[in-house]
Amino acid sequence: ARDRSGRTKTNEVFIRLKDHLDRFPDFYNASLVKEEAEDIDDI
């Protein structure tokens, strides 16, 4: 399905995700590190 931009939803998601990662490169890394630290505390 194509929206008004003419891009497929898959391409739209990819473009938005890539743009987000370009703006916030540590966004997911920080959350992953935090979760790993919490998992270690549970052991």
C-alpha atoms as a PDB file:
ATOM      1  CA  ALA A   1       0.000   0.000   0.000  1.00  0.00           C
ATOM      2  CA  ARG A   2       1.341   3.403  -0.924  1.00  0.00           C
ATOM      3  CA  ASP A   3       0.513   6.502   1.041  1.00  0.00           C
ATOM      4  CA  ARG A   4       0.556  10.102  -0.190  1.00  0.00           C
ATOM      5  CA  SER A   5       4.360  10.174  -0.364  1.00  0.00           C
ATOM      6  CA  GLY A   6       4.299   7.399  -2.961  1.00  0.00           C
ATOM      7  CA  ARG A   7       6.598   5.190  -0.882  1.00  0.00           C
ATOM      8  CA  THR A   8       5.683   1.728   0.307  1.00  0.00           C
ATOM      9  CA  LYS A   9       5.154   1.288   4.028  1.00  0.00           C
ATOM     10  CA  THR A  10       8.285  -0.857   4.259  1.00  0.00           C
ATOM     11  CA  ASN A  11      10.407   1.881   2.703  1.00  0.00           C
ATOM     12  CA  GLU A  12       8.750   4.515   4.878  1.00  0.00           C
ATOM     13  CA  VAL A  13       9.571   2.583   8.054  1.00  0.00           C
ATOM     14  CA  PHE A  14      13.140   2.009   6.884  1.00  0.00           C
ATOM     15  CA  ILE A  15      13.641   5.691   6.067  1.00  0.00           C
ATOM     16  CA  ARG A  16      12.178   6.821   9.394  1.00  0.00           C
ATOM     17  CA  LEU A  17      14.206   4.303  11.390  1.00  0.00           C
ATOM     18  CA  LYS A  18      17.421   5.225   9.579  1.00  0.00           C
ATOM     19  CA  ASP A  19      16.723   8.929  10.142  1.00  0.00           C
ATOM     20  CA  HIS A  20      16.037   8.270  13.817  1.00  0.00           C
ATOM     21  CA  LEU A  21      19.285   6.325  14.221  1.00  0.00           C
ATOM     22  CA  ASP A  22      21.196   9.103  12.456  1.00  0.00           C
ATOM     23  CA  ARG A  23      19.769  11.641  14.919  1.00  0.00           C
ATOM     24  CA  PHE A  24      19.982   9.466  18.034  1.00  0.00           C
ATOM     25  CA  PRO A  25      22.793   6.923  17.502  1.00  0.00           C
ATOM     26  CA  ASP A  26      22.886   5.934  21.188  1.00  0.00           C
ATOM     27  CA  PHE A  27      19.110   5.634  21.617  1.00  0.00           C
ATOM     28  CA  TYR A  28      18.900   1.838  21.343  1.00  0.00           C
ATOM     29  CA  ASN A  29      22.411   1.115  22.595  1.00  0.00           C
ATOM     30  CA  ALA A  30      21.698   2.847  25.899  1.00  0.00           C
ATOM     31  CA  SER A  31      18.490   0.879  26.473  1.00  0.00           C
ATOM     32  CA  LEU A  32      20.184  -2.423  25.582  1.00  0.00           C
ATOM     33  CA  VAL A  33      23.071  -1.780  27.961  1.00  0.00           C
ATOM     34  CA  LYS A  34      20.627  -0.868  30.717  1.00  0.00           C
ATOM     35  CA  GLU A  35      18.626  -4.071  30.205  1.00  0.00           C
ATOM     36  CA  GLU A  36      21.780  -6.201  30.243  1.00  0.00           C
ATOM     37  CA  ALA A  37      22.878  -4.579  33.490  1.00  0.00           C
ATOM     38  CA  GLU A  38      19.485  -5.318  35.047  1.00  0.00           C
ATOM     39  CA  ASP A  39      19.707  -8.953  33.914  1.00  0.00           C
ATOM     40  CA  ILE A  40      23.123  -9.323  35.549  1.00  0.00           C
ATOM     41  CA  ASP A  41      21.730  -7.966  38.824  1.00  0.00           C
ATOM     42  CA  ASP A  42      19.074 -10.694  38.834  1.00  0.00           C
ATOM     43  CA  ILE A  43      21.617 -13.540  38.828  1.00  0.00           C
END
